[in-house]
PDB file of all heavy atoms in Angstrom:
ATOM      1  N   ALA A   1     -13.315 -13.899 -16.792  1.00  0.00           N
ATOM      2  CA  ALA A   1     -11.863 -13.760 -16.714  1.00  0.00           C
ATOM      3  C   ALA A   1     -11.471 -12.327 -16.362  1.00  0.00           C
ATOM      4  O   ALA A   1     -10.557 -12.095 -15.559  1.00  0.00           O
ATOM      5  CB  ALA A   1     -11.219 -14.172 -18.037  1.00  0.00           C
ATOM      6  N   ARG A   2     -12.162 -11.357 -16.970  1.00  0.00           N
ATOM      7  CA  ARG A   2     -11.867  -9.952 -16.645  1.00  0.00           C
ATOM      8  C   ARG A   2     -12.193  -9.655 -15.181  1.00  0.00           C
ATOM      9  O   ARG A   2     -11.462  -8.921 -14.508  1.00  0.00           O
ATOM     10  CB  ARG A   2     -12.673  -9.021 -17.553  1.00  0.00           C
ATOM     11  CG  ARG A   2     -12.218  -9.001 -18.999  1.00  0.00           C
ATOM     12  CD  ARG A   2     -12.846  -7.847 -19.765  1.00  0.00           C
ATOM     13  NE  ARG A   2     -12.661  -8.008 -21.201  1.00  0.00           N
ATOM     14  CZ  ARG A   2     -13.599  -8.370 -22.052  1.00  0.00           C
ATOM     15  NH1 ARG A   2     -14.818  -8.618 -21.609  1.00  0.00           N
ATOM     16  NH2 ARG A   2     -13.339  -8.487 -23.347  1.00  0.00           N
ATOM     17  N   SER A   3     -13.302 -10.211 -14.681  1.00  0.00           N
ATOM     18  CA  SER A   3     -13.683  -9.997 -13.283  1.00  0.00           C
ATOM     19  C   SER A   3     -12.623 -10.547 -12.343  1.00  0.00           C
ATOM     20  O   SER A   3     -12.247  -9.898 -11.357  1.00  0.00           O
ATOM     21  CB  SER A   3     -15.041 -10.646 -12.994  1.00  0.00           C
ATOM     22  OG  SER A   3     -16.057 -10.074 -13.773  1.00  0.00           O
ATOM     23  N   HIS A   4     -12.144 -11.749 -12.639  1.00  0.00           N
ATOM     24  CA  HIS A   4     -11.082 -12.339 -11.806  1.00  0.00           C
ATOM     25  C   HIS A   4      -9.819 -11.495 -11.860  1.00  0.00           C
ATOM     26  O   HIS A   4      -9.153 -11.285 -10.838  1.00  0.00           O
ATOM     27  CB  HIS A   4     -10.775 -13.760 -12.288  1.00  0.00           C
ATOM     28  CG  HIS A   4     -11.848 -14.748 -11.943  1.00  0.00           C
ATOM     29  ND1 HIS A   4     -11.938 -15.998 -12.517  1.00  0.00           N
ATOM     30  CD2 HIS A   4     -12.890 -14.668 -11.092  1.00  0.00           C
ATOM     31  CE1 HIS A   4     -12.975 -16.643 -12.029  1.00  0.00           C
ATOM     32  NE2 HIS A   4     -13.570 -15.862 -11.158  1.00  0.00           N
ATOM     33  N   ARG A   5      -9.482 -11.009 -13.074  1.00  0.00           N
ATOM     34  CA  ARG A   5      -8.272 -10.199 -13.223  1.00  0.00           C
ATOM     35  C   ARG A   5      -8.388  -8.890 -12.450  1.00  0.00           C
ATOM     36  O   ARG A   5      -7.447  -8.475 -11.757  1.00  0.00           O
ATOM     37  CB  ARG A   5      -8.016  -9.937 -14.704  1.00  0.00           C
ATOM     38  CG  ARG A   5      -6.697  -9.223 -14.980  1.00  0.00           C
ATOM     39  CD  ARG A   5      -6.331  -9.314 -16.448  1.00  0.00           C
ATOM     40  NE  ARG A   5      -7.335  -8.704 -17.304  1.00  0.00           N
ATOM     41  CZ  ARG A   5      -8.095  -9.391 -18.162  1.00  0.00           C
ATOM     42  NH1 ARG A   5      -7.978 -10.705 -18.274  1.00  0.00           N
ATOM     43  NH2 ARG A   5      -8.979  -8.759 -18.920  1.00  0.00           N
ATOM     44  N   LEU A   6      -9.562  -8.237 -12.528  1.00  0.00           N
ATOM     45  CA  LEU A   6      -9.760  -6.984 -11.810  1.00  0.00           C
ATOM     46  C   LEU A   6      -9.742  -7.197 -10.304  1.00  0.00           C
ATOM     47  O   LEU A   6      -9.191  -6.370  -9.552  1.00  0.00           O
ATOM     48  CB  LEU A   6     -11.086  -6.347 -12.233  1.00  0.00           C
ATOM     49  CG  LEU A   6     -11.125  -5.775 -13.646  1.00  0.00           C
ATOM     50  CD1 LEU A   6     -12.536  -5.323 -13.996  1.00  0.00           C
ATOM     51  CD2 LEU A   6     -10.158  -4.598 -13.773  1.00  0.00           C
ATOM     52  N   ALA A   7     -10.328  -8.312  -9.851  1.00  0.00           N
ATOM     53  CA  ALA A   7     -10.322  -8.610  -8.419  1.00  0.00           C
ATOM     54  C   ALA A   7      -8.899  -8.820  -7.906  1.00  0.00           C
ATOM     55  O   ALA A   7      -8.534  -8.337  -6.831  1.00  0.00           O
ATOM     56  CB  ALA A   7     -11.177  -9.853  -8.134  1.00  0.00           C
ATOM     57  N   ALA A   8      -8.097  -9.527  -8.703  1.00  0.00           N
ATOM     58  CA  ALA A   8      -6.702  -9.752  -8.312  1.00  0.00           C
ATOM     59  C   ALA A   8      -5.927  -8.446  -8.292  1.00  0.00           C
ATOM     60  O   ALA A   8      -5.109  -8.203  -7.397  1.00  0.00           O
ATOM     61  CB  ALA A   8      -6.045 -10.742  -9.277  1.00  0.00           C
ATOM     62  N   GLN A   9      -6.184  -7.577  -9.274  1.00  0.00           N
ATOM     63  CA  GLN A   9      -5.500  -6.285  -9.315  1.00  0.00           C
ATOM     64  C   GLN A   9      -5.903  -5.416  -8.127  1.00  0.00           C
ATOM     65  O   GLN A   9      -5.057  -4.730  -7.535  1.00  0.00           O
ATOM     66  CB  GLN A   9      -5.813  -5.571 -10.632  1.00  0.00           C
ATOM     67  CG  GLN A   9      -5.183  -6.238 -11.848  1.00  0.00           C
ATOM     68  CD  GLN A   9      -5.684  -5.646 -13.152  1.00  0.00           C
ATOM     69  OE1 GLN A   9      -6.650  -4.884 -13.177  1.00  0.00           O
ATOM     70  NE2 GLN A   9      -5.035  -5.999 -14.253  1.00  0.00           N
ATOM     71  N   LEU A  10      -7.193  -5.450  -7.789  1.00  0.00           N
ATOM     72  CA  LEU A  10      -7.667  -4.668  -6.652  1.00  0.00           C
ATOM     73  C   LEU A  10      -7.051  -5.173  -5.359  1.00  0.00           C
ATOM     74  O   LEU A  10      -6.613  -4.383  -4.506  1.00  0.00           O
ATOM     75  CB  LEU A  10      -9.190  -4.725  -6.578  1.00  0.00           C
ATOM     76  CG  LEU A  10      -9.841  -3.991  -5.396  1.00  0.00           C
ATOM     77  CD1 LEU A  10      -9.484  -2.510  -5.433  1.00  0.00           C
ATOM     78  CD2 LEU A  10     -11.353  -4.184  -5.418  1.00  0.00           C
ATOM     79  N   GLU A  11      -7.008  -6.490  -5.202  1.00  0.00           N
ATOM     80  CA  GLU A  11      -6.412  -7.071  -4.002  1.00  0.00           C
ATOM     81  C   GLU A  11      -4.935  -6.682  -3.889  1.00  0.00           C
ATOM     82  O   GLU A  11      -4.450  -6.314  -2.816  1.00  0.00           O
ATOM     83  CB  GLU A  11      -6.548  -8.597  -4.031  1.00  0.00           C
ATOM     84  CG  GLU A  11      -6.008  -9.271  -2.785  1.00  0.00           C
ATOM     85  CD  GLU A  11      -6.201 -10.778  -2.822  1.00  0.00           C
ATOM     86  OE1 GLU A  11      -6.804 -11.277  -3.791  1.00  0.00           O
ATOM     87  OE2 GLU A  11      -5.739 -11.456  -1.891  1.00  0.00           O
ATOM     88  N   ALA A  12      -4.232  -6.743  -5.023  1.00  0.00           N
ATOM     89  CA  ALA A  12      -2.814  -6.364  -5.015  1.00  0.00           C
ATOM     90  C   ALA A  12      -2.655  -4.885  -4.686  1.00  0.00           C
ATOM     91  O   ALA A  12      -1.744  -4.493  -3.941  1.00  0.00           O
ATOM     92  CB  ALA A  12      -2.185  -6.676  -6.369  1.00  0.00           C
ATOM     93  N   ALA A  13      -3.547  -4.063  -5.243  1.00  0.00           N
ATOM     94  CA  ALA A  13      -3.458  -2.625  -4.980  1.00  0.00           C
ATOM     95  C   ALA A  13      -3.692  -2.316  -3.508  1.00  0.00           C
ATOM     96  O   ALA A  13      -2.986  -1.492  -2.914  1.00  0.00           O
ATOM     97  CB  ALA A  13      -4.478  -1.876  -5.841  1.00  0.00           C
ATOM     98  N   LEU A  14      -4.684  -2.993  -2.908  1.00  0.00           N
ATOM     99  CA  LEU A  14      -4.957  -2.764  -1.490  1.00  0.00           C
ATOM    100  C   LEU A  14      -3.793  -3.223  -0.623  1.00  0.00           C
ATOM    101  O   LEU A  14      -3.419  -2.559   0.353  1.00  0.00           O
ATOM    102  CB  LEU A  14      -6.246  -3.486  -1.090  1.00  0.00           C
ATOM    103  CG  LEU A  14      -7.536  -2.934  -1.705  1.00  0.00           C
ATOM    104  CD1 LEU A  14      -8.718  -3.827  -1.352  1.00  0.00           C
ATOM    105  CD2 LEU A  14      -7.786  -1.507  -1.230  1.00  0.00           C
ATOM    106  N   THR A  15      -3.199  -4.368  -0.986  1.00  0.00           N
ATOM    107  CA  THR A  15      -2.039  -4.876  -0.240  1.00  0.00           C
ATOM    108  C   THR A  15      -0.869  -3.911  -0.371  1.00  0.00           C
ATOM    109  O   THR A  15      -0.198  -3.583   0.623  1.00  0.00           O
ATOM    110  CB  THR A  15      -1.640  -6.265  -0.765  1.00  0.00           C
ATOM    111  OG1 THR A  15      -2.743  -7.154  -0.606  1.00  0.00           O
ATOM    112  CG2 THR A  15      -0.442  -6.803  -0.008  1.00  0.00           C
ATOM    113  N   ASN A  16      -0.635  -3.442  -1.587  1.00  0.00           N
ATOM    114  CA  ASN A  16       0.459  -2.494  -1.808  1.00  0.00           C
ATOM    115  C   ASN A  16       0.239  -1.206  -1.028  1.00  0.00           C
ATOM    116  O   ASN A  16       1.180  -0.645  -0.463  1.00  0.00           O
ATOM    117  CB  ASN A  16       0.594  -2.184  -3.298  1.00  0.00           C
ATOM    118  CG  ASN A  16       1.119  -3.367  -4.093  1.00  0.00           C
ATOM    119  OD1 ASN A  16       1.713  -4.295  -3.540  1.00  0.00           O
ATOM    120  ND2 ASN A  16       0.901  -3.358  -5.397  1.00  0.00           N
ATOM    121  N   ARG A  17      -1.012  -0.737  -1.004  1.00  0.00           N
ATOM    122  CA  ARG A  17      -1.314   0.505  -0.283  1.00  0.00           C
ATOM    123  C   ARG A  17      -1.026   0.342   1.207  1.00  0.00           C
ATOM    124  O   ARG A  17      -0.466   1.245   1.853  1.00  0.00           O
ATOM    125  CB  ARG A  17      -2.780   0.889  -0.507  1.00  0.00           C
ATOM    126  CG  ARG A  17      -3.222   2.128   0.266  1.00  0.00           C
ATOM    127  CD  ARG A  17      -2.406   3.346  -0.123  1.00  0.00           C
ATOM    128  NE  ARG A  17      -2.720   4.492   0.701  1.00  0.00           N
ATOM    129  CZ  ARG A  17      -3.669   5.380   0.392  1.00  0.00           C
ATOM    130  NH1 ARG A  17      -4.376   5.226  -0.734  1.00  0.00           N
ATOM    131  NH2 ARG A  17      -3.900   6.403   1.170  1.00  0.00           N
ATOM    132  N   ALA A  18      -1.391  -0.829   1.763  1.00  0.00           N
ATOM    133  CA  ALA A  18      -1.140  -1.060   3.186  1.00  0.00           C
ATOM    134  C   ALA A  18       0.353  -1.066   3.486  1.00  0.00           C
ATOM    135  O   ALA A  18       0.811  -0.486   4.479  1.00  0.00           O
ATOM    136  CB  ALA A  18      -1.772  -2.387   3.615  1.00  0.00           C
ATOM    137  N   VAL A  19       1.135  -1.706   2.618  1.00  0.00           N
ATOM    138  CA  VAL A  19       2.584  -1.762   2.820  1.00  0.00           C
ATOM    139  C   VAL A  19       3.199  -0.378   2.700  1.00  0.00           C
ATOM    140  O   VAL A  19       4.084   0.003   3.482  1.00  0.00           O
ATOM    141  CB  VAL A  19       3.231  -2.736   1.807  1.00  0.00           C
ATOM    142  CG1 VAL A  19       4.748  -2.661   1.874  1.00  0.00           C
ATOM    143  CG2 VAL A  19       2.765  -4.156   2.078  1.00  0.00           C
ATOM    144  N   ILE A  20       2.739   0.400   1.721  1.00  0.00           N
ATOM    145  CA  ILE A  20       3.260   1.764   1.544  1.00  0.00           C
ATOM    146  C   ILE A  20       2.944   2.616   2.766  1.00  0.00           C
ATOM    147  O   ILE A  20       3.799   3.372   3.255  1.00  0.00           O
ATOM    148  CB  ILE A  20       2.677   2.383   0.261  1.00  0.00           C
ATOM    149  CG1 ILE A  20       3.272   1.685  -0.969  1.00  0.00           C
ATOM    150  CG2 ILE A  20       2.966   3.888   0.205  1.00  0.00           C
ATOM    151  CD1 ILE A  20       2.618   2.088  -2.280  1.00  0.00           C
ATOM    152  N   ASP A  21       1.715   2.501   3.290  1.00  0.00           N
ATOM    153  CA  ASP A  21       1.350   3.265   4.487  1.00  0.00           C
ATOM    154  C   ASP A  21       2.232   2.876   5.670  1.00  0.00           C
ATOM    155  O   ASP A  21       2.662   3.737   6.459  1.00  0.00           O
ATOM    156  CB  ASP A  21      -0.116   3.030   4.830  1.00  0.00           C
ATOM    157  CG  ASP A  21      -1.063   3.746   3.866  1.00  0.00           C
ATOM    158  OD1 ASP A  21      -0.592   4.632   3.138  1.00  0.00           O
ATOM    159  OD2 ASP A  21      -2.263   3.402   3.844  1.00  0.00           O
ATOM    160  N   GLN A  22       2.515   1.574   5.819  1.00  0.00           N
ATOM    161  CA  GLN A  22       3.399   1.128   6.899  1.00  0.00           C
ATOM    162  C   GLN A  22       4.798   1.725   6.743  1.00  0.00           C
ATOM    163  O   GLN A  22       5.424   2.173   7.709  1.00  0.00           O
ATOM    164  CB  GLN A  22       3.479  -0.396   6.915  1.00  0.00           C
ATOM    165  CG  GLN A  22       2.187  -1.081   7.333  1.00  0.00           C
ATOM    166  CD  GLN A  22       2.230  -2.581   7.093  1.00  0.00           C
ATOM    167  OE1 GLN A  22       3.209  -3.102   6.578  1.00  0.00           O
ATOM    168  NE2 GLN A  22       1.152  -3.261   7.454  1.00  0.00           N
ATOM    169  N   THR A  23       5.281   1.747   5.518  1.00  0.00           N
ATOM    170  CA  THR A  23       6.617   2.279   5.252  1.00  0.00           C
ATOM    171  C   THR A  23       6.681   3.769   5.540  1.00  0.00           C
ATOM    172  O   THR A  23       7.668   4.267   6.114  1.00  0.00           O
ATOM    173  CB  THR A  23       7.014   2.026   3.785  1.00  0.00           C
ATOM    174  OG1 THR A  23       6.892   0.634   3.515  1.00  0.00           O
ATOM    175  CG2 THR A  23       8.433   2.472   3.522  1.00  0.00           C
ATOM    176  N   LEU A  24       5.644   4.499   5.155  1.00  0.00           N
ATOM    177  CA  LEU A  24       5.618   5.932   5.450  1.00  0.00           C
ATOM    178  C   LEU A  24       5.669   6.159   6.959  1.00  0.00           C
ATOM    179  O   LEU A  24       6.341   7.089   7.433  1.00  0.00           O
ATOM    180  CB  LEU A  24       4.362   6.564   4.857  1.00  0.00           C
ATOM    181  CG  LEU A  24       4.259   6.559   3.329  1.00  0.00           C
ATOM    182  CD1 LEU A  24       2.964   7.227   2.873  1.00  0.00           C
ATOM    183  CD2 LEU A  24       5.457   7.250   2.695  1.00  0.00           C
ATOM    184  N   GLY A  25       4.966   5.307   7.713  1.00  0.00           N
ATOM    185  CA  GLY A  25       5.008   5.419   9.166  1.00  0.00           C
ATOM    186  C   GLY A  25       6.414   5.195   9.715  1.00  0.00           C
ATOM    187  O   GLY A  25       6.863   5.897  10.632  1.00  0.00           O
ATOM    188  N   VAL A  26       7.118   4.208   9.162  1.00  0.00           N
ATOM    189  CA  VAL A  26       8.488   3.937   9.597  1.00  0.00           C
ATOM    190  C   VAL A  26       9.390   5.136   9.312  1.00  0.00           C
ATOM    191  O   VAL A  26      10.170   5.587  10.177  1.00  0.00           O
ATOM    192  CB  VAL A  26       9.037   2.680   8.894  1.00  0.00           C
ATOM    193  CG1 VAL A  26      10.534   2.513   9.161  1.00  0.00           C
ATOM    194  CG2 VAL A  26       8.281   1.438   9.367  1.00  0.00           C
ATOM    195  N   ILE A  27       9.305   5.679   8.087  1.00  0.00           N
ATOM    196  CA  ILE A  27      10.146   6.820   7.707  1.00  0.00           C
ATOM    197  C   ILE A  27       9.834   8.026   8.580  1.00  0.00           C
ATOM    198  O   ILE A  27      10.738   8.741   9.056  1.00  0.00           O
ATOM    199  CB  ILE A  27       9.944   7.165   6.217  1.00  0.00           C
ATOM    200  CG1 ILE A  27      10.436   6.009   5.338  1.00  0.00           C
ATOM    201  CG2 ILE A  27      10.670   8.456   5.849  1.00  0.00           C
ATOM    202  CD1 ILE A  27      10.132   6.182   3.859  1.00  0.00           C
ATOM    203  N   MET A  28       8.549   8.292   8.835  1.00  0.00           N
ATOM    204  CA  MET A  28       8.155   9.441   9.651  1.00  0.00           C
ATOM    205  C   MET A  28       8.656   9.310  11.083  1.00  0.00           C
ATOM    206  O   MET A  28       9.134  10.281  11.681  1.00  0.00           O
ATOM    207  CB  MET A  28       6.631   9.584   9.625  1.00  0.00           C
ATOM    208  CG  MET A  28       6.077  10.015   8.264  1.00  0.00           C
ATOM    209  SD  MET A  28       4.301   9.700   8.052  1.00  0.00           S
ATOM    210  CE  MET A  28       3.620  10.674   9.397  1.00  0.00           C
ATOM    211  N   SER A  29       8.576   8.084  11.634  1.00  0.00           N
ATOM    212  CA  SER A  29       9.007   7.894  13.024  1.00  0.00           C
ATOM    213  C   SER A  29      10.514   8.046  13.173  1.00  0.00           C
ATOM    214  O   SER A  29      11.006   8.489  14.212  1.00  0.00           O
ATOM    215  CB  SER A  29       8.562   6.525  13.530  1.00  0.00           C
ATOM    216  OG  SER A  29       9.245   5.489  12.824  1.00  0.00           O
ATOM    217  N   ARG A  30      11.267   7.704  12.136  1.00  0.00           N
ATOM    218  CA  ARG A  30      12.725   7.771  12.216  1.00  0.00           C
ATOM    219  C   ARG A  30      13.273   9.158  11.897  1.00  0.00           C
ATOM    220  O   ARG A  30      14.321   9.558  12.412  1.00  0.00           O
ATOM    221  CB  ARG A  30      13.351   6.761  11.254  1.00  0.00           C
ATOM    222  CG  ARG A  30      13.187   5.325  11.689  1.00  0.00           C
ATOM    223  CD  ARG A  30      13.870   4.408  10.710  1.00  0.00           C
ATOM    224  NE  ARG A  30      13.734   3.015  11.097  1.00  0.00           N
ATOM    225  CZ  ARG A  30      14.091   1.993  10.331  1.00  0.00           C
ATOM    226  NH1 ARG A  30      14.596   2.234   9.132  1.00  0.00           N
ATOM    227  NH2 ARG A  30      13.939   0.768  10.761  1.00  0.00           N
ATOM    228  N   THR A  31      12.580   9.878  11.015  1.00  0.00           N
ATOM    229  CA  THR A  31      13.145  11.138  10.525  1.00  0.00           C
ATOM    230  C   THR A  31      12.357  12.361  10.949  1.00  0.00           C
ATOM    231  O   THR A  31      12.839  13.489  10.796  1.00  0.00           O
ATOM    232  CB  THR A  31      13.196  11.122   8.982  1.00  0.00           C
ATOM    233  OG1 THR A  31      11.851  11.085   8.463  1.00  0.00           O
ATOM    234  CG2 THR A  31      13.977   9.916   8.479  1.00  0.00           C
ATOM    235  N   GLY A  32      11.146  12.170  11.467  1.00  0.00           N
ATOM    236  CA  GLY A  32      10.309  13.318  11.798  1.00  0.00           C
ATOM    237  C   GLY A  32       9.714  13.979  10.582  1.00  0.00           C
ATOM    238  O   GLY A  32       9.218  15.109  10.660  1.00  0.00           O
ATOM    239  N   ALA A  33       9.752  13.292   9.438  1.00  0.00           N
ATOM    240  CA  ALA A  33       9.237  13.865   8.206  1.00  0.00           C
ATOM    241  C   ALA A  33       7.713  13.897   8.223  1.00  0.00           C
ATOM    242  O   ALA A  33       7.055  13.120   8.937  1.00  0.00           O
ATOM    243  CB  ALA A  33       9.716  13.047   7.013  1.00  0.00           C
ATOM    244  N   THR A  34       7.148  14.792   7.434  1.00  0.00           N
ATOM    245  CA  THR A  34       5.703  14.816   7.234  1.00  0.00           C
ATOM    246  C   THR A  34       5.327  13.669   6.293  1.00  0.00           C
ATOM    247  O   THR A  34       6.198  13.092   5.621  1.00  0.00           O
ATOM    248  CB  THR A  34       5.258  16.143   6.601  1.00  0.00           C
ATOM    249  OG1 THR A  34       5.816  16.225   5.280  1.00  0.00           O
ATOM    250  CG2 THR A  34       5.729  17.328   7.426  1.00  0.00           C
ATOM    251  N   PRO A  35       4.028  13.327   6.183  1.00  0.00           N
ATOM    252  CA  PRO A  35       3.640  12.271   5.235  1.00  0.00           C
ATOM    253  C   PRO A  35       4.083  12.559   3.812  1.00  0.00           C
ATOM    254  O   PRO A  35       4.520  11.659   3.098  1.00  0.00           O
ATOM    255  CB  PRO A  35       2.112  12.238   5.360  1.00  0.00           C
ATOM    256  CG  PRO A  35       1.831  12.730   6.746  1.00  0.00           C
ATOM    257  CD  PRO A  35       2.889  13.770   7.018  1.00  0.00           C
TER     258      PRO A  35
END
């Protein structure tokens, strides 16, 4: 059960990281901001 829970948390973390990186790209392209 712990293994399944950790795998789900890792998957969610990786998905969240990808979305955050995409958002940073959008903000940078619109505003010229640094990362």
